[in-house]
Amino acid sequence: MRYDEAMAVLLDHTILEVTNLQDSVAFYRDVVGLEHRGRSGSFEVMLITEDTALDLHEQSTPASRHLAFRMDRITFEATFERIRASGGTYGDGPSNATNMRGPGRSSGVHGATDSVYFHDPSGHILEILTYDPAQ
């Protein structure tokens, strides 16, 4: 497909302000499982999918953000294990991101999910989620 052809609106990339680029690259690579594509200008580029990137940009006081990463069940379980192994806190809901319980039930664009909430090194609240196989 040529890029000037009609296509649906898709998210190409988003910028996330972080307090420390090196810590954040390591976290998103080693815990969340994103691929580090290297530096582009002042950004560290983390690949979410082949078509979507998370560009990390260092900022001393970033505004808090929430990111939810949809995964298949096997990837979800492996990522949840890395979260537990990292020693950080996690929880079963957005207001319970440190209760060390989970997964909890939540909802996403396709309905009910199993979700785990946790914080990145800059304090952003992250969610990993998976849908029931029938969805």
N, C-alpha and C. Protein backbone atom coordinates (compact mmCIF):
# COMPACT_ATOMS: atom_id res chain seq x y z
N MET A 1 0.84 -1.18 0.00
CA MET A 1 0.00 0.00 0.00
C MET A 1 0.88 1.24 0.00
N ARG A 2 0.56 2.18 -0.84
CA ARG A 2 1.25 3.46 -0.83
C ARG A 2 0.65 4.34 0.26
N TYR A 3 1.46 5.19 0.83
CA TYR A 3 0.99 6.02 1.94
C TYR A 3 0.04 7.12 1.52
N ASP A 4 -0.07 7.39 0.23
CA ASP A 4 -1.03 8.41 -0.20
C ASP A 4 -2.37 7.79 -0.57
N GLU A 5 -2.50 6.48 -0.47
CA GLU A 5 -3.78 5.82 -0.71
C GLU A 5 -4.67 5.98 0.52
N ALA A 6 -5.98 5.84 0.30
CA ALA A 6 -6.91 5.93 1.42
C ALA A 6 -6.66 4.78 2.40
N MET A 7 -6.67 5.10 3.68
CA MET A 7 -6.50 4.09 4.71
C MET A 7 -7.19 4.56 5.98
N ALA A 8 -7.42 3.64 6.88
CA ALA A 8 -7.99 3.99 8.17
C ALA A 8 -7.01 4.86 8.94
N VAL A 9 -7.50 5.58 9.91
CA VAL A 9 -6.64 6.37 10.78
C VAL A 9 -5.99 5.43 11.78
N LEU A 10 -4.68 5.42 11.83
CA LEU A 10 -3.93 4.56 12.73
C LEU A 10 -2.96 5.40 13.54
N LEU A 11 -2.66 4.97 14.75
CA LEU A 11 -1.67 5.65 15.57
C LEU A 11 -0.28 5.21 15.11
N ASP A 12 0.56 6.14 14.72
CA ASP A 12 1.92 5.85 14.27
C ASP A 12 2.88 5.84 15.45
N HIS A 13 2.84 6.88 16.27
CA HIS A 13 3.69 6.96 17.45
C HIS A 13 3.08 7.95 18.44
N THR A 14 3.53 7.84 19.66
CA THR A 14 3.16 8.80 20.68
C THR A 14 4.41 9.09 21.50
N ILE A 15 4.45 10.26 22.10
CA ILE A 15 5.60 10.67 22.90
C ILE A 15 5.24 10.55 24.37
N LEU A 16 6.14 9.94 25.13
CA LEU A 16 5.96 9.83 26.57
C LEU A 16 7.15 10.50 27.24
N GLU A 17 6.86 11.49 28.07
CA GLU A 17 7.93 12.17 28.81
C GLU A 17 8.31 11.32 30.02
N VAL A 18 9.62 11.14 30.19
CA VAL A 18 10.15 10.31 31.28
C VAL A 18 11.25 11.09 32.00
N THR A 19 11.50 10.71 33.25
CA THR A 19 12.51 11.44 34.03
C THR A 19 13.93 10.98 33.73
N ASN A 20 14.11 9.74 33.25
CA ASN A 20 15.44 9.23 32.97
C ASN A 20 15.35 8.30 31.77
N LEU A 21 16.00 8.67 30.67
CA LEU A 21 15.91 7.87 29.44
C LEU A 21 16.47 6.47 29.60
N GLN A 22 17.64 6.34 30.20
CA GLN A 22 18.27 5.01 30.33
C GLN A 22 17.42 4.07 31.17
N ASP A 23 16.93 4.55 32.31
CA ASP A 23 16.08 3.72 33.17
C ASP A 23 14.80 3.33 32.44
N SER A 24 14.22 4.27 31.71
CA SER A 24 12.96 4.01 31.01
C SER A 24 13.15 3.04 29.85
N VAL A 25 14.22 3.19 29.08
CA VAL A 25 14.50 2.25 28.00
C VAL A 25 14.64 0.84 28.57
N ALA A 26 15.41 0.69 29.64
CA ALA A 26 15.60 -0.62 30.25
C ALA A 26 14.27 -1.19 30.74
N PHE A 27 13.44 -0.38 31.37
CA PHE A 27 12.16 -0.83 31.89
C PHE A 27 11.22 -1.28 30.77
N TYR A 28 11.05 -0.43 29.77
CA TYR A 28 10.12 -0.78 28.69
C TYR A 28 10.63 -1.96 27.86
N ARG A 29 11.93 -2.13 27.79
CA ARG A 29 12.51 -3.29 27.08
C ARG A 29 12.43 -4.55 27.93
N ASP A 30 12.93 -4.48 29.17
CA ASP A 30 13.11 -5.68 29.98
C ASP A 30 11.85 -6.12 30.73
N VAL A 31 10.98 -5.19 31.10
CA VAL A 31 9.78 -5.55 31.84
C VAL A 31 8.56 -5.62 30.92
N VAL A 32 8.32 -4.56 30.16
CA VAL A 32 7.14 -4.54 29.29
C VAL A 32 7.35 -5.40 28.04
N GLY A 33 8.60 -5.50 27.57
CA GLY A 33 8.88 -6.35 26.42
C GLY A 33 8.90 -5.64 25.08
N LEU A 34 9.04 -4.31 25.08
CA LEU A 34 9.10 -3.57 23.83
C LEU A 34 10.51 -3.64 23.25
N GLU A 35 10.60 -3.49 21.94
CA GLU A 35 11.90 -3.50 21.26
C GLU A 35 12.45 -2.07 21.22
N HIS A 36 13.70 -1.90 21.63
CA HIS A 36 14.35 -0.59 21.56
C HIS A 36 14.93 -0.43 20.16
N ARG A 37 14.46 0.57 19.44
CA ARG A 37 14.91 0.81 18.07
C ARG A 37 16.04 1.82 17.99
N GLY A 38 16.46 2.38 19.12
CA GLY A 38 17.55 3.34 19.11
C GLY A 38 17.07 4.76 19.28
N ARG A 39 18.01 5.66 19.06
CA ARG A 39 17.76 7.08 19.26
C ARG A 39 17.39 7.74 17.94
N SER A 40 16.45 8.69 18.02
CA SER A 40 16.06 9.52 16.88
C SER A 40 15.93 10.94 17.41
N GLY A 41 16.93 11.76 17.14
CA GLY A 41 16.95 13.11 17.70
C GLY A 41 17.06 13.02 19.20
N SER A 42 16.11 13.63 19.91
CA SER A 42 16.14 13.60 21.37
C SER A 42 15.27 12.48 21.94
N PHE A 43 14.80 11.58 21.10
CA PHE A 43 13.89 10.51 21.52
C PHE A 43 14.58 9.15 21.51
N GLU A 44 14.21 8.30 22.46
CA GLU A 44 14.53 6.88 22.42
C GLU A 44 13.27 6.19 21.93
N VAL A 45 13.38 5.44 20.85
CA VAL A 45 12.22 4.85 20.19
C VAL A 45 12.03 3.41 20.62
N MET A 46 10.85 3.13 21.17
CA MET A 46 10.47 1.79 21.61
C MET A 46 9.34 1.32 20.69
N LEU A 47 9.54 0.18 20.05
CA LEU A 47 8.55 -0.34 19.12
C LEU A 47 7.49 -1.13 19.87
N ILE A 48 6.22 -0.72 19.71
CA ILE A 48 5.09 -1.44 20.30
C ILE A 48 4.65 -2.54 19.34
N THR A 49 4.43 -2.17 18.08
CA THR A 49 4.16 -3.10 16.98
C THR A 49 5.02 -2.66 15.81
N GLU A 50 4.98 -3.37 14.74
CA GLU A 50 5.75 -2.95 13.56
C GLU A 50 5.30 -1.59 13.04
N ASP A 51 4.09 -1.17 13.42
CA ASP A 51 3.52 0.08 12.91
C ASP A 51 3.33 1.16 13.96
N THR A 52 3.68 0.90 15.22
CA THR A 52 3.41 1.86 16.28
C THR A 52 4.60 1.94 17.23
N ALA A 53 5.03 3.17 17.52
CA ALA A 53 6.18 3.37 18.39
C ALA A 53 5.82 4.25 19.59
N LEU A 54 6.56 4.04 20.66
CA LEU A 54 6.50 4.87 21.84
C LEU A 54 7.83 5.62 21.88
N ASP A 55 7.80 6.93 21.71
CA ASP A 55 9.01 7.75 21.71
C ASP A 55 9.20 8.34 23.10
N LEU A 56 10.27 7.94 23.76
CA LEU A 56 10.57 8.42 25.11
C LEU A 56 11.38 9.70 25.02
N HIS A 57 10.97 10.70 25.77
CA HIS A 57 11.63 12.01 25.77
C HIS A 57 11.87 12.43 27.21
N GLU A 58 13.10 12.81 27.52
CA GLU A 58 13.43 13.15 28.91
C GLU A 58 12.89 14.52 29.27
N GLN A 59 12.27 14.58 30.45
CA GLN A 59 11.67 15.80 30.99
C GLN A 59 11.78 15.72 32.50
N SER A 60 12.15 16.78 33.16
CA SER A 60 12.39 16.71 34.60
C SER A 60 11.11 16.44 35.40
N THR A 61 9.99 16.97 34.97
CA THR A 61 8.72 16.75 35.69
C THR A 61 7.61 16.39 34.70
N PRO A 62 7.58 15.15 34.24
CA PRO A 62 6.56 14.78 33.26
C PRO A 62 5.16 14.71 33.88
N ALA A 63 4.17 15.05 33.09
CA ALA A 63 2.78 14.88 33.53
C ALA A 63 2.46 13.39 33.55
N SER A 64 1.67 12.96 34.50
CA SER A 64 1.32 11.56 34.63
C SER A 64 0.42 11.11 33.47
N ARG A 65 0.71 9.94 32.94
CA ARG A 65 -0.05 9.37 31.82
C ARG A 65 -0.45 7.94 32.16
N HIS A 66 -1.46 7.44 31.44
CA HIS A 66 -1.87 6.04 31.55
C HIS A 66 -1.74 5.42 30.16
N LEU A 67 -1.03 4.30 30.09
CA LEU A 67 -0.90 3.55 28.84
C LEU A 67 -1.38 2.13 29.11
N ALA A 68 -2.18 1.59 28.20
CA ALA A 68 -2.67 0.21 28.32
C ALA A 68 -2.16 -0.58 27.12
N PHE A 69 -1.47 -1.68 27.40
CA PHE A 69 -0.90 -2.53 26.36
C PHE A 69 -1.70 -3.83 26.25
N ARG A 70 -2.34 -4.05 25.09
CA ARG A 70 -3.11 -5.27 24.84
C ARG A 70 -2.16 -6.37 24.39
N MET A 71 -2.34 -7.56 24.94
CA MET A 71 -1.46 -8.70 24.65
C MET A 71 -2.28 -9.97 24.53
N ASP A 72 -1.74 -10.94 23.81
CA ASP A 72 -2.37 -12.26 23.84
C ASP A 72 -2.10 -12.87 25.21
N ARG A 73 -2.81 -13.93 25.54
CA ARG A 73 -2.74 -14.52 26.88
C ARG A 73 -1.32 -14.96 27.26
N ILE A 74 -0.59 -15.60 26.35
CA ILE A 74 0.76 -16.09 26.65
C ILE A 74 1.71 -14.92 26.93
N THR A 75 1.65 -13.87 26.11
CA THR A 75 2.49 -12.69 26.31
C THR A 75 2.11 -11.99 27.60
N PHE A 76 0.82 -11.91 27.89
CA PHE A 76 0.33 -11.30 29.13
C PHE A 76 0.92 -12.01 30.34
N GLU A 77 0.83 -13.34 30.37
CA GLU A 77 1.35 -14.11 31.51
C GLU A 77 2.87 -13.93 31.66
N ALA A 78 3.60 -13.94 30.54
CA ALA A 78 5.06 -13.75 30.59
C ALA A 78 5.41 -12.34 31.08
N THR A 79 4.67 -11.34 30.64
CA THR A 79 4.92 -9.97 31.06
C THR A 79 4.58 -9.79 32.54
N PHE A 80 3.48 -10.39 32.98
CA PHE A 80 3.12 -10.32 34.39
C PHE A 80 4.20 -10.97 35.25
N GLU A 81 4.78 -12.04 34.79
CA GLU A 81 5.87 -12.68 35.53
C GLU A 81 7.09 -11.75 35.61
N ARG A 82 7.41 -11.04 34.52
CA ARG A 82 8.53 -10.09 34.56
C ARG A 82 8.24 -8.93 35.51
N ILE A 83 6.98 -8.49 35.56
CA ILE A 83 6.61 -7.42 36.49
C ILE A 83 6.84 -7.90 37.93
N ARG A 84 6.36 -9.10 38.24
CA ARG A 84 6.57 -9.65 39.59
C ARG A 84 8.05 -9.81 39.89
N ALA A 85 8.82 -10.32 38.92
CA ALA A 85 10.25 -10.56 39.13
C ALA A 85 11.04 -9.25 39.27
N SER A 86 10.52 -8.16 38.73
CA SER A 86 11.23 -6.88 38.80
C SER A 86 11.27 -6.32 40.21
N GLY A 87 10.40 -6.81 41.08
CA GLY A 87 10.37 -6.32 42.46
C GLY A 87 9.52 -5.08 42.65
N GLY A 88 8.95 -4.57 41.58
CA GLY A 88 8.09 -3.40 41.70
C GLY A 88 6.70 -3.79 42.16
N THR A 89 5.90 -2.79 42.51
CA THR A 89 4.54 -3.05 42.94
C THR A 89 3.62 -3.14 41.73
N TYR A 90 2.51 -3.81 41.92
CA TYR A 90 1.49 -3.95 40.88
C TYR A 90 0.16 -4.13 41.59
N GLY A 91 -0.91 -4.07 40.82
CA GLY A 91 -2.22 -4.22 41.43
C GLY A 91 -3.28 -4.64 40.45
N ASP A 92 -4.50 -4.79 40.99
CA ASP A 92 -5.60 -5.32 40.19
C ASP A 92 -6.55 -4.24 39.68
N GLY A 93 -6.22 -2.98 39.86
CA GLY A 93 -7.07 -1.91 39.35
C GLY A 93 -6.31 -0.60 39.27
N PRO A 94 -6.86 0.36 38.53
CA PRO A 94 -6.14 1.63 38.36
C PRO A 94 -5.96 2.40 39.66
N SER A 95 -6.89 2.27 40.58
CA SER A 95 -6.73 2.94 41.88
C SER A 95 -6.10 2.01 42.92
N ASN A 96 -5.78 0.78 42.49
CA ASN A 96 -5.14 -0.21 43.37
C ASN A 96 -3.86 -0.74 42.73
N ALA A 97 -3.08 0.13 42.13
CA ALA A 97 -1.91 -0.30 41.36
C ALA A 97 -0.74 -0.75 42.23
N THR A 98 -0.92 -0.75 43.54
CA THR A 98 0.16 -1.18 44.43
C THR A 98 -0.30 -2.22 45.45
N ASN A 99 -1.49 -2.82 45.28
CA ASN A 99 -1.99 -3.75 46.29
C ASN A 99 -1.43 -5.17 46.15
N MET A 100 -0.56 -5.39 45.19
CA MET A 100 0.11 -6.68 44.99
C MET A 100 -0.89 -7.81 44.74
N ARG A 101 -2.02 -7.47 44.13
CA ARG A 101 -3.00 -8.47 43.71
C ARG A 101 -3.20 -8.35 42.21
N GLY A 102 -3.65 -9.39 41.61
CA GLY A 102 -3.93 -9.32 40.19
C GLY A 102 -3.74 -10.68 39.54
N PRO A 103 -4.18 -10.79 38.34
CA PRO A 103 -4.88 -9.77 37.57
C PRO A 103 -6.29 -9.49 38.11
N GLY A 104 -6.76 -8.30 37.76
CA GLY A 104 -8.12 -7.90 38.08
C GLY A 104 -8.93 -7.84 36.80
N ARG A 105 -10.22 -7.59 36.95
CA ARG A 105 -11.10 -7.44 35.79
C ARG A 105 -11.25 -5.96 35.47
N SER A 106 -11.17 -5.64 34.20
CA SER A 106 -11.34 -4.27 33.75
C SER A 106 -12.04 -4.31 32.41
N SER A 107 -11.95 -3.25 31.65
CA SER A 107 -12.55 -3.26 30.31
C SER A 107 -11.67 -2.48 29.36
N GLY A 108 -11.74 -2.89 28.12
CA GLY A 108 -11.00 -2.24 27.05
C GLY A 108 -11.92 -2.02 25.86
N VAL A 109 -11.35 -1.68 24.76
CA VAL A 109 -12.13 -1.36 23.57
C VAL A 109 -12.98 -2.54 23.09
N HIS A 110 -12.58 -3.77 23.41
CA HIS A 110 -13.32 -4.96 22.97
C HIS A 110 -14.07 -5.65 24.10
N GLY A 111 -14.22 -5.00 25.26
CA GLY A 111 -14.99 -5.59 26.35
C GLY A 111 -14.14 -5.91 27.57
N ALA A 112 -14.57 -6.95 28.30
CA ALA A 112 -13.95 -7.32 29.57
C ALA A 112 -12.52 -7.83 29.36
N THR A 113 -11.65 -7.49 30.31
CA THR A 113 -10.24 -7.88 30.24
C THR A 113 -9.77 -8.43 31.58
N ASP A 114 -8.69 -9.18 31.53
CA ASP A 114 -7.86 -9.42 32.69
C ASP A 114 -6.78 -8.36 32.60
N SER A 115 -6.56 -7.61 33.68
CA SER A 115 -5.62 -6.49 33.65
C SER A 115 -4.74 -6.48 34.88
N VAL A 116 -3.51 -6.00 34.69
CA VAL A 116 -2.58 -5.74 35.78
C VAL A 116 -2.09 -4.31 35.60
N TYR A 117 -2.07 -3.57 36.71
CA TYR A 117 -1.64 -2.18 36.71
C TYR A 117 -0.33 -2.06 37.48
N PHE A 118 0.54 -1.16 37.02
CA PHE A 118 1.83 -0.95 37.67
C PHE A 118 2.39 0.38 37.19
N HIS A 119 3.47 0.83 37.82
CA HIS A 119 4.07 2.12 37.48
C HIS A 119 5.41 1.93 36.78
N ASP A 120 5.71 2.82 35.86
CA ASP A 120 7.04 2.83 35.25
C ASP A 120 7.97 3.68 36.12
N PRO A 121 9.25 3.76 35.79
CA PRO A 121 10.19 4.52 36.64
C PRO A 121 9.86 6.00 36.78
N SER A 122 9.06 6.56 35.86
CA SER A 122 8.68 7.97 35.94
C SER A 122 7.35 8.19 36.64
N GLY A 123 6.70 7.11 37.08
CA GLY A 123 5.44 7.22 37.79
C GLY A 123 4.20 7.10 36.93
N HIS A 124 4.35 6.88 35.62
CA HIS A 124 3.19 6.68 34.77
C HIS A 124 2.51 5.37 35.15
N ILE A 125 1.18 5.36 35.10
CA ILE A 125 0.46 4.13 35.42
C ILE A 125 0.25 3.34 34.14
N LEU A 126 0.76 2.12 34.14
CA LEU A 126 0.68 1.25 32.99
C LEU A 126 -0.29 0.12 33.28
N GLU A 127 -0.86 -0.40 32.22
CA GLU A 127 -1.77 -1.53 32.32
C GLU A 127 -1.40 -2.52 31.23
N ILE A 128 -1.31 -3.78 31.60
CA ILE A 128 -1.27 -4.82 30.58
C ILE A 128 -2.61 -5.51 30.65
N LEU A 129 -3.14 -5.87 29.49
CA LEU A 129 -4.46 -6.49 29.48
C LEU A 129 -4.53 -7.56 28.41
N THR A 130 -5.42 -8.50 28.66
CA THR A 130 -5.72 -9.53 27.68
C THR A 130 -7.21 -9.80 27.72
N TYR A 131 -7.76 -10.13 26.58
CA TYR A 131 -9.18 -10.46 26.47
C TYR A 131 -9.38 -11.95 26.61
N ASP A 132 -10.58 -12.32 27.03
CA ASP A 132 -10.93 -13.73 27.07
C ASP A 132 -10.82 -14.29 25.66
N PRO A 133 -10.42 -15.53 25.53
CA PRO A 133 -10.23 -16.12 24.19
C PRO A 133 -11.45 -16.02 23.28
N ALA A 134 -12.65 -16.00 23.83
CA ALA A 134 -13.86 -15.94 23.00
C ALA A 134 -14.10 -14.56 22.41
N GLN A 135 -13.35 -13.56 22.87
CA GLN A 135 -13.57 -12.19 22.38
C GLN A 135 -12.66 -11.83 21.27
